[in-house]
Amino acid sequence: ETIALKRTLEEIMSEHTGQPLDRVSKDMERDYFMTPQEAQEYGIIDNVIVHRDGSRP
């Protein structure tokens, strides 16, 4: 049951990010840290919030 749940989560993540299922599966195997820009490129987030002075919150 845990394996089926993991597969369902991978499929949902693949569908929503536009990443291939095999890449999402590989990336979810271990801790995978991203910068805000990398997360945006991957498709996990839409935008990175930046203050007017150019700094991040």
Protein backbone atom coordinates (compact mmCIF):
# COMPACT_ATOMS: atom_id res chain seq x y z
CA GLU A 1 0.00 0.00 0.00
CA THR A 2 2.84 2.40 0.78
CA ILE A 3 4.41 1.73 -2.62
CA ALA A 4 1.10 2.44 -4.38
CA LEU A 5 0.71 5.70 -2.43
CA LYS A 6 4.26 6.75 -3.35
CA ARG A 7 3.58 6.00 -7.02
CA THR A 8 0.35 8.03 -6.92
CA LEU A 9 2.20 10.98 -5.36
CA GLU A 10 4.91 10.74 -8.05
CA GLU A 11 2.27 10.73 -10.79
CA ILE A 12 0.53 13.78 -9.32
CA MET A 13 3.84 15.64 -8.97
CA SER A 14 4.80 14.74 -12.55
CA GLU A 15 1.44 15.93 -13.88
CA HIS A 16 1.56 19.24 -12.02
CA THR A 17 5.22 20.08 -12.66
CA GLY A 18 5.46 18.85 -16.24
CA GLN A 19 8.52 16.77 -15.33
CA PRO A 20 8.87 13.20 -16.64
CA LEU A 21 7.68 10.54 -14.19
CA ASP A 22 11.09 8.85 -14.08
CA ARG A 23 12.78 12.14 -13.09
CA VAL A 24 10.23 12.83 -10.35
CA SER A 25 10.65 9.26 -9.05
CA LYS A 26 14.43 9.64 -8.94
CA ASP A 27 14.26 13.08 -7.31
CA MET A 28 11.88 11.80 -4.62
CA GLU A 29 14.16 8.88 -3.66
CA ARG A 30 16.29 11.06 -1.36
CA ASP A 31 16.38 14.58 0.02
CA TYR A 32 16.55 16.93 -2.94
CA PHE A 33 17.09 20.58 -2.05
CA MET A 34 16.51 23.36 -4.59
CA THR A 35 17.06 27.08 -4.71
CA PRO A 36 13.93 29.16 -5.28
CA GLN A 37 14.90 29.59 -8.94
CA GLU A 38 15.45 25.83 -9.37
CA ALA A 39 12.06 25.12 -7.80
CA GLN A 40 10.45 27.57 -10.23
CA GLU A 41 12.18 25.97 -13.22
CA TYR A 42 11.16 22.50 -11.98
CA GLY A 43 7.54 23.63 -11.78
CA ILE A 44 6.97 23.33 -8.04
CA ILE A 45 6.41 27.05 -7.51
CA ASP A 46 5.06 29.78 -9.77
CA ASN A 47 7.02 32.81 -8.60
CA VAL A 48 9.79 33.90 -6.25
CA ILE A 49 8.80 36.88 -4.12
CA VAL A 50 11.35 39.69 -4.14
CA HIS A 51 11.22 42.93 -2.13
CA ARG A 52 11.31 46.23 -3.98
CA ASP A 53 14.95 46.68 -2.96
CA GLY A 54 15.80 43.36 -4.64
CA SER A 55 16.23 41.33 -1.46
CA ARG A 56 14.23 38.22 -0.64
CA PRO A 57 11.94 37.98 2.38
